Amino acid sequence: MVRKFALFDIDKTLVRGDSLFALYFYGARRWPVYWLWLPVIPFAGLLYALKLLPVERVKRIFYAPLRRFHDADFAEFFDRKILARSLAQPMERLRCAREEGYYILLVTASAACYMRPFVERGFADALLGTEVERDGRGYTGRILGPNCRGEEKVRRIRAFLEQNGLQIDYETSVGYSDSDSDIPMLRLVKTRYRVLHGGTVVPFVWQDHADG
């Protein structure tokens, strides 16, 4: 089925800042043992910058508090650290797209497990994100598969479309992101918007612009 889609990134697009840091500090305040891990973070960031540590390993450090999360924690984190940081203009674009019959697909590099309330609460039709391993005690923090960023977003979208018998109507579809890393995703739609720092929405233009 051909549908008009609205594709949205989340961090710095729909909400202010990076939820990765918000998650970790939420966990550290909730369970102080995670303050002990704090000195590791700059070192891991340096190794990542030097390409000596993959992003999946770095994220595992930040996702460590997920081990202790219960349903109430996910709900509280979403309300206090995700929705509370929502950017007015992009969220209004999201609301309008929903009212206008767009299929709303959120695609994020953040962990899908704590972003799913966007779908559960009716903000979006579906969400694709970085998947985190779960065992009998909860989420382990270990990343399953590649980080959902750049070209990986396109692979996830195409697999999702095939699995659900959907097709993006390129001419009528739109996309929103704050980052050049989402250019591969934005090439799937004709109309693209960049969300600037602070939440202002402007046309998304890049130097090697080419449609198709």
Protein backbone atom coordinates (compact mmCIF):
# COMPACT_ATOMS: atom_id res chain seq x y z
CA MET A 1 0.00 0.00 0.00
CA VAL A 2 1.34 3.39 -1.01
CA ARG A 3 1.11 5.95 1.80
CA LYS A 4 2.30 9.47 2.40
CA PHE A 5 4.85 9.28 5.19
CA ALA A 6 6.25 11.74 7.69
CA LEU A 7 9.67 10.57 8.87
CA PHE A 8 11.04 12.07 12.08
CA ASP A 9 14.30 11.74 13.93
CA ILE A 10 13.79 12.25 17.70
CA ASP A 11 16.83 13.56 19.61
CA LYS A 12 17.41 17.26 18.84
CA THR A 13 14.55 17.03 16.33
CA LEU A 14 11.44 16.43 18.42
CA VAL A 15 13.09 16.82 21.82
CA ARG A 16 15.87 19.02 23.15
CA GLY A 17 19.30 17.46 23.68
CA ASP A 18 20.49 13.88 23.60
CA SER A 19 18.38 11.35 25.49
CA LEU A 20 21.43 9.12 25.92
CA PHE A 21 22.83 11.46 28.58
CA ALA A 22 19.41 12.09 30.07
CA LEU A 23 18.92 8.36 30.52
CA TYR A 24 22.22 7.85 32.29
CA PHE A 25 21.79 10.74 34.70
CA TYR A 26 18.21 9.74 35.39
CA GLY A 27 19.52 6.30 36.32
CA ALA A 28 22.33 7.72 38.46
CA ARG A 29 19.91 9.88 40.45
CA ARG A 30 17.51 6.96 40.84
CA TRP A 31 20.20 4.40 41.68
CA PRO A 32 23.36 6.20 42.93
CA VAL A 33 25.62 3.23 42.19
CA TYR A 34 25.80 4.51 38.61
CA TRP A 35 27.69 7.63 39.73
CA LEU A 36 30.63 5.26 40.18
CA TRP A 37 30.66 4.66 36.43
CA LEU A 38 30.82 8.35 35.57
CA PRO A 39 34.66 8.56 35.27
CA VAL A 40 34.55 5.84 32.61
CA ILE A 41 32.42 7.91 30.23
CA PRO A 42 35.04 10.50 29.09
CA PHE A 43 37.60 7.72 28.57
CA ALA A 44 35.12 5.71 26.49
CA GLY A 45 34.29 8.86 24.51
CA LEU A 46 37.97 9.41 23.76
CA LEU A 47 38.41 5.82 22.57
CA TYR A 48 35.34 6.23 20.36
CA ALA A 49 36.73 9.49 18.90
CA LEU A 50 39.99 7.66 18.13
CA LYS A 51 37.96 4.88 16.48
CA LEU A 52 39.28 2.36 18.99
CA LEU A 53 35.86 1.61 20.47
CA PRO A 54 32.65 1.06 18.47
CA VAL A 55 29.64 3.20 19.24
CA GLU A 56 27.71 0.10 20.33
CA ARG A 57 30.19 -0.44 23.20
CA VAL A 58 29.98 3.21 24.25
CA LYS A 59 26.20 3.08 24.29
CA ARG A 60 26.29 -0.03 26.44
CA ILE A 61 27.81 2.10 29.23
CA PHE A 62 25.05 4.69 28.96
CA TYR A 63 22.35 2.04 28.79
CA ALA A 64 23.52 0.25 31.96
CA PRO A 65 20.72 1.78 34.11
CA LEU A 66 18.12 0.11 31.88
CA ARG A 67 18.85 -3.09 33.81
CA ARG A 68 16.90 -1.63 36.76
CA PHE A 69 14.03 -0.09 34.81
CA HIS A 70 10.46 -1.24 35.40
CA ASP A 71 7.35 -0.09 33.58
CA ALA A 72 6.87 2.83 35.98
CA ASP A 73 10.44 3.99 35.34
CA PHE A 74 9.94 3.97 31.58
CA ALA A 75 6.76 6.01 31.96
CA GLU A 76 8.40 8.50 34.32
CA PHE A 77 11.50 8.85 32.15
CA PHE A 78 9.38 9.46 29.07
CA ASP A 79 7.25 12.09 30.80
CA ARG A 80 10.05 13.91 32.63
CA LYS A 81 12.99 13.58 30.24
CA ILE A 82 11.47 13.10 26.79
CA LEU A 83 8.10 14.86 26.58
CA ALA A 84 9.16 17.56 29.03
CA ARG A 85 11.97 18.48 26.60
CA SER A 86 9.80 18.46 23.50
CA LEU A 87 10.37 21.23 20.96
CA ALA A 88 7.21 23.19 20.24
CA GLN A 89 7.44 23.75 16.48
CA PRO A 90 8.55 20.21 15.49
CA MET A 91 5.94 18.65 17.81
CA GLU A 92 3.28 20.85 16.22
CA ARG A 93 4.45 19.63 12.79
CA LEU A 94 4.10 16.07 14.11
CA ARG A 95 0.57 16.73 15.37
CA CYS A 96 -0.50 18.34 12.10
CA ALA A 97 0.96 15.51 10.03
CA ARG A 98 -1.02 13.02 12.11
CA GLU A 99 -4.24 14.99 11.59
CA GLU A 100 -3.55 15.20 7.85
CA GLY A 101 -3.34 11.43 7.50
CA TYR A 102 0.41 10.94 7.18
CA TYR A 103 1.87 7.64 8.33
CA ILE A 104 4.13 8.83 11.15
CA LEU A 105 7.36 6.84 11.38
CA LEU A 106 9.92 7.82 14.01
CA VAL A 107 13.46 6.60 13.32
CA THR A 108 16.05 7.13 16.03
CA ALA A 109 19.53 6.05 17.05
CA SER A 110 18.32 6.01 20.65
CA ALA A 111 17.13 2.82 22.30
CA ALA A 112 13.69 1.87 21.05
CA CYS A 113 12.66 0.53 24.47
CA TYR A 114 12.35 3.97 26.07
CA MET A 115 11.04 5.76 22.97
CA ARG A 116 8.11 3.36 22.35
CA PRO A 117 5.66 5.51 24.38
CA PHE A 118 5.58 7.80 21.35
CA VAL A 119 3.64 5.01 19.63
CA GLU A 120 1.83 3.68 22.70
CA ARG A 121 0.44 7.16 23.43
CA GLY A 122 -0.63 7.85 19.87
CA PHE A 123 1.99 10.36 18.75
CA ALA A 124 3.18 8.08 15.93
CA ASP A 125 2.22 4.97 13.99
CA ALA A 126 5.53 3.16 14.37
CA LEU A 127 9.05 3.57 15.70
CA LEU A 128 12.40 2.17 14.66
CA GLY A 129 15.40 2.50 16.94
CA THR A 130 18.51 0.86 18.30
CA GLU A 131 17.50 -2.42 19.92
CA VAL A 132 18.81 -3.46 23.34
CA GLU A 133 19.13 -7.05 24.54
CA ARG A 134 16.60 -8.24 27.10
CA ASP A 135 16.84 -11.26 29.38
CA GLY A 136 14.73 -12.57 32.25
CA ARG A 137 15.78 -9.71 34.55
CA GLY A 138 15.34 -6.82 32.13
CA TYR A 139 17.41 -4.94 29.56
CA THR A 140 21.11 -5.76 29.68
CA GLY A 141 22.34 -2.62 27.91
CA ARG A 142 23.95 -4.70 25.16
CA ILE A 143 23.15 -3.42 21.67
CA LEU A 144 21.55 -5.89 19.28
CA GLY A 145 22.72 -5.31 15.73
CA PRO A 146 24.11 -2.05 14.34
CA ASN A 147 23.41 1.35 15.84
CA CYS A 148 20.33 2.79 14.09
CA ARG A 149 22.05 5.75 12.43
CA GLY A 150 22.88 6.96 8.93
CA GLU A 151 22.48 4.29 6.24
CA GLU A 152 21.30 1.84 8.90
CA LYS A 153 18.14 3.91 9.27
CA VAL A 154 17.42 3.40 5.57
CA ARG A 155 17.95 -0.36 5.89
CA ARG A 156 15.57 -0.49 8.86
CA ILE A 157 12.95 1.58 7.05
CA ARG A 158 13.08 -0.58 3.93
CA ALA A 159 12.80 -3.78 5.98
CA PHE A 160 9.86 -2.29 7.90
CA LEU A 161 8.09 -1.31 4.68
CA GLU A 162 8.55 -4.78 3.20
CA GLN A 163 7.34 -6.52 6.36
CA ASN A 164 4.22 -4.37 6.53
CA GLY A 165 3.35 -4.19 2.85
CA LEU A 166 3.88 -0.42 2.72
CA GLN A 167 5.48 1.92 0.21
CA ILE A 168 6.50 5.55 0.66
CA ASP A 169 4.84 7.97 -1.76
CA TYR A 170 7.95 10.00 -2.48
CA GLU A 171 6.16 13.03 -3.95
CA THR A 172 3.85 13.65 -0.97
CA SER A 173 6.07 12.51 1.92
CA VAL A 174 8.13 14.64 4.30
CA GLY A 175 11.09 14.19 6.63
CA TYR A 176 12.51 16.04 9.65
CA SER A 177 15.95 15.90 11.23
CA ASP A 178 18.56 18.08 12.89
CA SER A 179 21.56 16.23 11.46
CA ASP A 180 23.41 15.63 8.20
CA SER A 181 23.75 12.02 9.29
CA ASP A 182 20.06 11.64 8.37
CA ILE A 183 20.53 12.70 4.74
CA PRO A 184 20.24 9.05 3.58
CA MET A 185 16.85 8.80 5.32
CA LEU A 186 15.67 12.16 3.99
CA ARG A 187 16.43 11.08 0.43
CA LEU A 188 13.43 8.73 0.74
CA VAL A 189 11.02 11.70 0.69
CA LYS A 190 10.66 14.77 -1.50
CA THR A 191 10.16 17.44 1.17
CA ARG A 192 12.83 17.72 3.90
CA TYR A 193 13.16 19.97 6.93
CA ARG A 194 16.03 20.68 9.29
CA VAL A 195 15.36 21.41 12.94
CA LEU A 196 17.77 24.04 14.19
CA HIS A 197 19.05 24.37 17.75
CA GLY A 198 16.12 25.69 19.73
CA GLY A 199 13.52 24.00 17.55
CA THR A 200 13.10 26.30 14.55
CA VAL A 201 12.13 24.33 11.43
CA VAL A 202 13.67 25.35 8.08
CA PRO A 203 14.07 23.65 4.68
CA PHE A 204 16.80 21.01 4.76
CA VAL A 205 19.41 21.71 2.08
CA TRP A 206 22.75 19.99 1.57
CA GLN A 207 25.55 20.70 -0.88
CA ASP A 208 25.43 17.46 -2.84
CA HIS A 209 21.63 17.63 -3.06
CA ALA A 210 20.24 15.07 -5.48
CA ASP A 211 16.77 13.58 -5.57
CA GLY A 212 15.83 10.04 -6.43
